[in-house]
Amino acid sequence: MGKRETRPLAPTPRALRGSVDPSLRVRPVDWTATGRRPEPDTAASPTGSPSADGATPPDGATPSARLPRRRARTVALPRPASPPPPGTVHTLDADDPRPLPRPLRIRDEDIRAVGVTGVDGERIVQAVADPEDAWTADAGTSDHFLRGDLVVQVRRADNAVIGLFSARYALSVRPDEYEPALDIAEDAAGPSTRGGQGTRHPTSRRELLGRMQQAGFVITPGATHGRVTHPDHPGLVLPFASTPSDRRFTRHAVAQIRRVFGIDLRR
């Protein structure tokens, strides 16, 4: 059997004679640090309160009295919100006069490409302007436009291209529940700035061309498709049918111009 451990014996009162009680070394609670005041107690003697014999100790007689007095805190009142910077995309101010429709922005540093390489800007514009299918994703923050084997993802807030994907990849990751509608493309560049009663599309090709010329568009004719450009938006080129056959051509053209150039031809 191993040796049995022996515990030290408790100190006797004789051994503790002359020692100081540890509780006497504890500093009193500083009630000024919390802002709370203790209830009057005859046993305790905080600063300014009577002691057990009824006498009030002088200032500085306790540790709490020797602590420096703190200044009262100032509360900052709420201030009105400052106006948004000129380049801000979103603002909660309903009276913001800036128009919501914006031209299509194509910048390489903003685009994430998966499964595609060497896609030029004209092909991107054509996919957004005249998609074969379109659906929304990311809780309505972006739209996808499918044309051929290319899918272009456009952020709704600023009408910026943020993704280029192969059709196979985009369709494989498309959620089971989505909003499939080509009408999404009509509102991709933001709501109408001329909304309300009286808003209408041009009803004829002549009326459409007249509104385009008033808005500053340059139309270059071609054999089957012309080209639409605008001097304020260099790099954006929109195909334009020279001999349209669809009776909804004007409505479709207005939606295309609005998605690409951010200019609303409705009145």
Protein backbone atom coordinates (compact mmCIF):
# COMPACT_ATOMS: atom_id res chain seq x y z
CA MET A 1 0.00 0.00 0.00
CA GLY A 2 1.21 3.46 -0.83
CA LYS A 3 1.74 6.18 1.61
CA ARG A 4 -1.38 7.98 2.70
CA GLU A 5 -1.38 11.70 2.00
CA THR A 6 -1.66 13.84 5.10
CA ARG A 7 -3.58 17.08 4.96
CA PRO A 8 -2.28 20.11 6.82
CA LEU A 9 -4.04 20.82 10.07
CA ALA A 10 -6.31 23.84 10.30
CA PRO A 11 -4.65 26.79 12.05
CA THR A 12 -5.59 27.20 15.66
CA PRO A 13 -6.82 30.50 17.13
CA ARG A 14 -3.52 30.79 18.89
CA ALA A 15 -1.67 30.56 15.58
CA LEU A 16 -3.92 33.24 14.05
CA ARG A 17 -3.42 35.62 16.97
CA GLY A 18 -2.16 38.98 15.80
CA SER A 19 -3.17 38.51 12.10
CA VAL A 20 -5.46 41.00 10.29
CA ASP A 21 -8.89 39.92 9.07
CA PRO A 22 -8.78 39.94 5.19
CA SER A 23 -12.26 41.50 5.06
CA LEU A 24 -10.86 44.65 6.66
CA ARG A 25 -8.56 45.16 3.67
CA VAL A 26 -11.48 45.32 1.15
CA ARG A 27 -12.15 48.82 -0.16
CA PRO A 28 -15.69 50.13 0.16
CA VAL A 29 -17.93 50.05 -2.91
CA ASP A 30 -17.75 53.21 -5.01
CA TRP A 31 -21.40 53.99 -5.50
CA THR A 32 -20.63 57.08 -7.58
CA ALA A 33 -19.30 54.86 -10.38
CA THR A 34 -22.72 53.33 -11.00
CA GLY A 35 -24.95 56.26 -10.20
CA ARG A 36 -26.85 54.25 -7.62
CA ARG A 37 -27.21 55.37 -4.05
CA PRO A 38 -27.54 52.88 -1.20
CA GLU A 39 -30.45 52.93 1.15
CA PRO A 40 -29.71 54.66 4.48
CA ASP A 41 -28.22 52.15 6.82
CA THR A 42 -27.03 52.76 10.37
CA ALA A 43 -24.47 50.00 10.07
CA ALA A 44 -22.78 51.41 6.96
CA SER A 45 -21.11 54.80 6.73
CA PRO A 46 -20.83 56.01 3.13
CA THR A 47 -19.81 59.57 2.42
CA GLY A 48 -22.16 62.05 4.01
CA SER A 49 -24.27 59.40 5.82
CA PRO A 50 -24.33 59.07 9.57
CA SER A 51 -22.27 56.37 11.22
CA ALA A 52 -23.37 54.00 13.91
CA ASP A 53 -22.79 56.62 16.64
CA GLY A 54 -24.79 59.25 14.70
CA ALA A 55 -21.77 61.36 13.69
CA THR A 56 -21.23 62.41 10.10
CA PRO A 57 -17.66 61.84 8.88
CA PRO A 58 -15.96 64.84 7.28
CA ASP A 59 -15.34 65.10 3.53
CA GLY A 60 -12.51 62.87 2.41
CA ALA A 61 -12.88 60.50 5.34
CA THR A 62 -13.81 57.55 3.09
CA PRO A 63 -12.23 56.24 -0.14
CA SER A 64 -15.35 57.14 -2.11
CA ALA A 65 -15.07 60.77 -1.08
CA ARG A 66 -11.48 60.98 -2.31
CA LEU A 67 -12.40 59.88 -5.85
CA PRO A 68 -12.62 62.68 -8.46
CA ARG A 69 -16.11 63.80 -9.35
CA ARG A 70 -17.19 62.96 -12.90
CA ARG A 71 -18.79 65.38 -15.29
CA ALA A 72 -22.31 64.67 -16.47
CA ARG A 73 -22.52 63.02 -19.88
CA THR A 74 -23.97 65.01 -22.74
CA VAL A 75 -26.50 63.32 -25.00
CA ALA A 76 -26.20 64.08 -28.73
CA LEU A 77 -29.55 65.01 -30.25
CA PRO A 78 -30.51 63.35 -33.56
CA ARG A 79 -29.46 65.34 -36.59
CA PRO A 80 -31.15 65.42 -39.99
CA ALA A 81 -29.63 63.07 -42.58
CA SER A 82 -27.19 64.64 -44.99
CA PRO A 83 -28.06 64.64 -48.71
CA PRO A 84 -26.75 61.66 -50.76
CA PRO A 85 -23.60 62.11 -52.86
CA PRO A 86 -24.14 62.81 -56.58
CA GLY A 87 -23.04 59.30 -57.59
CA THR A 88 -25.25 57.43 -55.15
CA VAL A 89 -27.24 54.59 -56.70
CA HIS A 90 -29.88 54.19 -53.98
CA THR A 91 -31.53 56.72 -51.75
CA LEU A 92 -34.51 56.52 -49.41
CA ASP A 93 -35.53 60.07 -50.20
CA ALA A 94 -38.79 59.95 -52.15
CA ASP A 95 -38.21 63.49 -53.45
CA ASP A 96 -34.88 62.64 -55.10
CA PRO A 97 -35.13 64.34 -58.53
CA ARG A 98 -32.59 62.09 -60.23
CA PRO A 99 -34.13 59.77 -62.85
CA LEU A 100 -34.03 56.07 -62.11
CA PRO A 101 -33.48 54.72 -65.66
CA ARG A 102 -29.75 54.35 -66.31
CA PRO A 103 -27.73 53.33 -69.36
CA LEU A 104 -26.31 49.83 -69.52
CA ARG A 105 -22.87 49.86 -67.92
CA ILE A 106 -20.27 47.36 -69.12
CA ARG A 107 -17.01 47.40 -67.18
CA ASP A 108 -14.62 44.46 -67.11
CA GLU A 109 -13.80 44.91 -63.42
CA ASP A 110 -17.49 44.41 -62.48
CA ILE A 111 -18.10 41.27 -64.57
CA ARG A 112 -17.72 37.68 -63.40
CA ALA A 113 -17.41 35.25 -66.31
CA VAL A 114 -18.10 31.52 -66.09
CA GLY A 115 -17.78 29.25 -69.12
CA VAL A 116 -17.38 32.04 -71.68
CA THR A 117 -14.42 33.99 -73.04
CA GLY A 118 -13.91 36.77 -75.56
CA VAL A 119 -17.47 38.14 -75.44
CA ASP A 120 -17.55 41.59 -77.04
CA GLY A 121 -19.74 44.48 -75.98
CA GLU A 122 -22.04 44.34 -79.01
CA ARG A 123 -22.98 40.76 -78.22
CA ILE A 124 -23.69 41.68 -74.61
CA VAL A 125 -25.90 44.59 -75.67
CA GLN A 126 -27.80 42.41 -78.12
CA ALA A 127 -28.48 39.76 -75.46
CA VAL A 128 -29.84 42.35 -73.04
CA ALA A 129 -31.80 44.25 -75.69
CA ASP A 130 -33.42 41.26 -77.43
CA PRO A 131 -33.30 38.17 -75.16
CA GLU A 132 -34.87 34.84 -75.98
CA ASP A 133 -35.63 34.27 -72.30
CA ALA A 134 -35.27 36.30 -69.11
CA TRP A 135 -35.64 35.60 -65.42
CA THR A 136 -35.02 37.36 -62.15
CA ALA A 137 -32.83 36.06 -59.34
CA ASP A 138 -31.28 37.09 -56.03
CA ALA A 139 -34.64 38.22 -54.60
CA GLY A 140 -35.14 40.64 -57.47
CA THR A 141 -31.76 42.37 -57.27
CA SER A 142 -30.58 41.15 -60.69
CA ASP A 143 -31.95 39.85 -63.98
CA HIS A 144 -30.60 37.23 -66.38
CA PHE A 145 -30.98 37.57 -70.15
CA LEU A 146 -30.52 34.51 -72.36
CA ARG A 147 -29.70 34.72 -76.05
CA GLY A 148 -28.14 31.80 -77.89
CA ASP A 149 -25.43 30.26 -75.73
CA LEU A 150 -24.85 33.43 -73.66
CA VAL A 151 -26.52 34.59 -70.45
CA VAL A 152 -25.93 38.14 -69.22
CA GLN A 153 -26.62 39.07 -65.59
CA VAL A 154 -27.60 42.71 -65.00
CA ARG A 155 -27.92 44.37 -61.61
CA ARG A 156 -31.17 46.29 -61.35
CA ALA A 157 -29.93 49.05 -59.05
CA ASP A 158 -27.60 50.67 -61.59
CA ASN A 159 -28.26 48.59 -64.76
CA ALA A 160 -24.69 47.28 -64.69
CA VAL A 161 -23.55 43.99 -66.22
CA ILE A 162 -22.14 41.87 -63.40
CA GLY A 163 -22.02 38.39 -64.94
CA LEU A 164 -21.44 36.53 -68.20
CA PHE A 165 -22.27 32.82 -68.22
CA SER A 166 -22.64 30.02 -70.68
CA ALA A 167 -26.26 29.03 -71.18
CA ARG A 168 -25.54 25.50 -69.95
CA TYR A 169 -24.06 26.75 -66.68
CA ALA A 170 -26.71 29.41 -66.06
CA LEU A 171 -29.58 26.99 -66.64
CA SER A 172 -27.98 24.37 -64.39
CA VAL A 173 -27.75 26.76 -61.42
CA ARG A 174 -31.08 28.50 -62.02
CA PRO A 175 -33.32 27.85 -59.00
CA ASP A 176 -36.38 25.67 -59.36
CA GLU A 177 -38.62 28.56 -58.37
CA TYR A 178 -37.98 31.67 -60.42
CA GLU A 179 -39.95 34.31 -62.24
CA PRO A 180 -39.76 33.49 -65.95
CA ALA A 181 -41.01 36.39 -68.04
CA LEU A 182 -39.65 38.45 -70.86
CA ASP A 183 -41.55 41.39 -69.39
CA ILE A 184 -38.84 41.61 -66.72
CA ALA A 185 -36.58 43.10 -69.36
CA GLU A 186 -39.02 45.96 -69.87
CA ASP A 187 -38.44 47.21 -66.31
CA ALA A 188 -34.77 46.30 -66.06
CA ALA A 189 -33.54 49.89 -66.24
CA GLY A 190 -35.93 51.20 -63.59
CA PRO A 191 -39.51 52.50 -63.46
CA SER A 192 -40.83 55.12 -65.80
CA THR A 193 -39.95 58.74 -65.09
CA ARG A 194 -43.13 59.82 -66.86
CA GLY A 195 -45.47 57.38 -65.18
CA GLY A 196 -49.07 58.01 -64.40
CA GLN A 197 -52.04 58.88 -66.54
CA GLY A 198 -51.22 59.55 -70.18
CA THR A 199 -48.08 57.40 -70.40
CA ARG A 200 -48.10 55.60 -73.74
CA HIS A 201 -45.87 53.99 -76.36
CA PRO A 202 -45.50 55.25 -79.92
CA THR A 203 -48.07 53.60 -82.15
CA SER A 204 -46.22 53.72 -85.47
CA ARG A 205 -42.70 53.46 -86.84
CA ARG A 206 -42.81 57.12 -87.91
CA GLU A 207 -43.79 58.24 -84.41
CA LEU A 208 -41.05 56.06 -82.90
CA LEU A 209 -38.38 57.52 -85.19
CA GLY A 210 -39.58 61.02 -84.38
CA ARG A 211 -39.24 60.45 -80.64
CA MET A 212 -35.81 58.89 -81.13
CA GLN A 213 -34.58 61.89 -83.09
CA GLN A 214 -35.94 64.26 -80.45
CA ALA A 215 -34.03 62.30 -77.80
CA GLY A 216 -30.78 62.69 -79.77
CA PHE A 217 -30.40 59.18 -81.21
CA VAL A 218 -28.44 58.58 -84.41
CA ILE A 219 -29.93 55.91 -86.68
CA THR A 220 -27.68 54.34 -89.32
CA PRO A 221 -29.74 52.34 -91.87
CA GLY A 222 -28.75 48.88 -93.06
CA ALA A 223 -29.93 46.12 -95.37
CA THR A 224 -31.89 44.20 -92.72
CA HIS A 225 -30.89 45.84 -89.45
CA GLY A 226 -29.75 49.36 -88.81
CA ARG A 227 -27.69 50.66 -85.91
CA VAL A 228 -28.85 52.98 -83.16
CA THR A 229 -26.29 55.03 -81.22
CA HIS A 230 -26.38 58.03 -78.92
CA PRO A 231 -23.61 60.64 -78.58
CA ASP A 232 -24.00 60.73 -74.78
CA HIS A 233 -23.42 56.98 -74.46
CA PRO A 234 -20.45 55.97 -76.63
CA GLY A 235 -19.83 52.24 -76.99
CA LEU A 236 -23.50 51.27 -76.81
CA VAL A 237 -24.84 50.11 -80.19
CA LEU A 238 -28.35 48.72 -80.59
CA PRO A 239 -29.52 46.74 -83.65
CA PHE A 240 -32.62 48.23 -85.22
CA ALA A 241 -34.88 46.33 -87.62
CA SER A 242 -35.18 48.13 -90.94
CA THR A 243 -38.39 46.32 -91.96
CA PRO A 244 -40.21 45.28 -88.78
CA SER A 245 -42.94 42.66 -89.14
CA ASP A 246 -44.22 42.42 -85.56
CA ARG A 247 -47.14 44.72 -84.80
CA ARG A 248 -45.67 45.18 -81.31
CA PHE A 249 -42.42 46.44 -82.83
CA THR A 250 -42.66 49.95 -81.40
CA ARG A 251 -43.34 48.69 -77.86
CA HIS A 252 -40.46 46.23 -78.16
CA ALA A 253 -38.11 48.92 -79.49
CA VAL A 254 -38.97 51.28 -76.63
CA ALA A 255 -38.13 48.54 -74.12
CA GLN A 256 -34.83 47.80 -75.89
CA ILE A 257 -33.80 51.47 -75.92
CA ARG A 258 -34.73 51.83 -72.28
CA ARG A 259 -32.72 48.76 -71.21
CA VAL A 260 -29.61 49.72 -73.14
CA PHE A 261 -29.54 53.55 -73.11
CA GLY A 262 -31.68 54.24 -70.03
CA ILE A 263 -33.82 56.68 -72.04
CA ASP A 264 -37.58 56.36 -71.78
CA LEU A 265 -39.46 57.20 -74.99
CA ARG A 266 -42.89 56.74 -73.42
CA ARG A 267 -45.04 59.80 -72.91
